[in-house]
Amino acid sequence: MLFNWSDYVPAVKKAFGKLGKAHPKMLDAYQALDAAAGADDALDAKTRELISLAVAITTRCDGCIGVHAEAARKAGASEAEVAQALATAIAMNAGAAYVFSLRALEAYEQSAS
């Protein structure tokens, strides 16, 4: 086991609540942003959670990974759907690494002048 998610996710949620109590306007704004993102219902909950999980991978947010993995399961996502969303995140990260590699190569080439 890489991580104990069953302990970590509740701890993150508790800490999130603690920060929200200290900064209620920030919490209200965050919750409003989340509500606005799903307000149009163009995407169902499962699709939104699969996207959220893939983005959590690309942003390397453990709390987001745990919360959205749990939410994806509750929204009915299968393991195969989760795996495909994660494969998409891996591909996107590889693409970003490729593009940034071009920047590094360009920086190296320009350093000769």
Protein backbone atom coordinates (compact mmCIF):
# COMPACT_ATOMS: atom_id res chain seq x y z
CA MET A 1 0.00 0.00 0.00
CA LEU A 2 1.40 3.38 -1.00
CA PHE A 3 -0.98 5.46 1.09
CA ASN A 4 -3.68 4.87 3.70
CA TRP A 5 -6.49 6.72 1.95
CA SER A 6 -9.16 5.60 4.44
CA ASP A 7 -7.35 7.61 7.14
CA TYR A 8 -6.06 10.40 4.93
CA VAL A 9 -9.32 11.53 3.25
CA PRO A 10 -11.23 12.11 6.51
CA ALA A 11 -8.18 13.95 7.89
CA VAL A 12 -8.09 16.21 4.83
CA LYS A 13 -11.83 16.90 5.12
CA LYS A 14 -11.42 17.74 8.81
CA ALA A 15 -8.49 20.07 8.11
CA PHE A 16 -10.43 21.64 5.26
CA GLY A 17 -13.26 22.40 7.67
CA LYS A 18 -10.83 23.90 10.17
CA LEU A 19 -9.44 26.28 7.57
CA GLY A 20 -13.00 27.10 6.50
CA LYS A 21 -13.92 28.08 10.06
CA ALA A 22 -10.89 30.36 10.23
CA HIS A 23 -11.68 31.91 6.84
CA PRO A 24 -15.42 31.52 6.17
CA LYS A 25 -15.52 33.94 3.23
CA MET A 26 -12.81 31.92 1.47
CA LEU A 27 -14.77 28.71 2.10
CA ASP A 28 -17.98 30.32 0.80
CA ALA A 29 -16.19 31.48 -2.36
CA TYR A 30 -14.64 28.03 -2.89
CA GLN A 31 -18.00 26.30 -2.46
CA ALA A 32 -19.65 28.81 -4.82
CA LEU A 33 -16.97 28.13 -7.44
CA ASP A 34 -17.51 24.38 -7.11
CA ALA A 35 -21.29 24.81 -7.36
CA ALA A 36 -20.95 27.06 -10.40
CA ALA A 37 -18.73 24.53 -12.16
CA GLY A 38 -21.48 21.92 -12.00
CA ALA A 39 -24.49 24.20 -12.35
CA ASP A 40 -25.21 23.71 -16.04
CA ASP A 41 -25.41 19.91 -15.83
CA ALA A 42 -23.82 19.56 -19.26
CA LEU A 43 -21.62 16.89 -17.65
CA ASP A 44 -22.95 14.27 -15.29
CA ALA A 45 -21.44 13.83 -11.83
CA LYS A 46 -19.42 10.77 -12.84
CA THR A 47 -17.79 12.58 -15.76
CA ARG A 48 -17.02 15.62 -13.62
CA GLU A 49 -15.41 13.40 -10.98
CA LEU A 50 -13.33 11.53 -13.57
CA ILE A 51 -12.09 14.86 -14.93
CA SER A 52 -11.42 16.07 -11.39
CA LEU A 53 -9.44 12.93 -10.63
CA ALA A 54 -7.34 13.32 -13.78
CA VAL A 55 -6.67 16.97 -12.95
CA ALA A 56 -5.75 15.97 -9.39
CA ILE A 57 -3.09 13.70 -10.86
CA THR A 58 -1.67 16.43 -13.08
CA THR A 59 -1.58 18.91 -10.19
CA ARG A 60 -0.18 16.30 -7.77
CA CYS A 61 -2.78 17.03 -5.09
CA ASP A 62 -3.09 14.05 -2.73
CA GLY A 63 -6.12 15.49 -0.98
CA CYS A 64 -7.83 16.04 -4.33
CA ILE A 65 -6.94 12.51 -5.43
CA GLY A 66 -8.48 10.97 -2.32
CA VAL A 67 -11.62 13.09 -2.29
CA HIS A 68 -12.32 12.74 -6.01
CA ALA A 69 -11.52 9.01 -6.13
CA GLU A 70 -14.12 8.52 -3.41
CA ALA A 71 -16.59 10.80 -5.20
CA ALA A 72 -16.00 9.02 -8.55
CA ARG A 73 -16.82 5.68 -6.93
CA LYS A 74 -19.97 7.14 -5.35
CA ALA A 75 -20.96 8.62 -8.73
CA GLY A 76 -20.79 5.15 -10.28
CA ALA A 77 -17.40 5.24 -12.03
CA SER A 78 -16.00 1.80 -12.72
CA GLU A 79 -12.38 0.87 -12.09
CA ALA A 80 -11.90 0.72 -15.88
CA GLU A 81 -13.24 4.28 -16.25
CA VAL A 82 -10.98 5.53 -13.47
CA ALA A 83 -8.00 3.77 -15.06
CA GLN A 84 -8.76 5.37 -18.43
CA ALA A 85 -9.06 8.82 -16.85
CA LEU A 86 -5.70 8.25 -15.14
CA ALA A 87 -4.14 7.07 -18.40
CA THR A 88 -5.33 10.31 -19.99
CA ALA A 89 -3.70 12.29 -17.16
CA ILE A 90 -0.44 10.38 -17.71
CA ALA A 91 -0.56 11.16 -21.43
CA MET A 92 -1.21 14.85 -20.73
CA ASN A 93 1.72 15.01 -18.32
CA ALA A 94 3.96 13.35 -20.89
CA GLY A 95 2.85 15.91 -23.48
CA ALA A 96 3.55 18.77 -21.10
CA ALA A 97 7.00 17.33 -20.33
CA TYR A 98 7.67 17.11 -24.06
CA VAL A 99 6.69 20.76 -24.65
CA PHE A 100 8.74 21.96 -21.67
CA SER A 101 11.65 19.87 -22.92
CA LEU A 102 11.51 21.97 -26.08
CA ARG A 103 11.79 25.07 -23.91
CA ALA A 104 14.81 23.62 -22.11
CA LEU A 105 16.48 22.75 -25.39
CA GLU A 106 15.78 26.25 -26.71
CA ALA A 107 17.23 27.78 -23.52
CA TYR A 108 20.33 25.63 -23.90
CA GLU A 109 20.72 26.62 -27.56
CA GLN A 110 20.28 30.33 -26.80
CA SER A 111 22.82 30.18 -23.97
CA ALA A 112 25.58 29.74 -26.57
CA SER A 113 25.20 33.32 -27.75
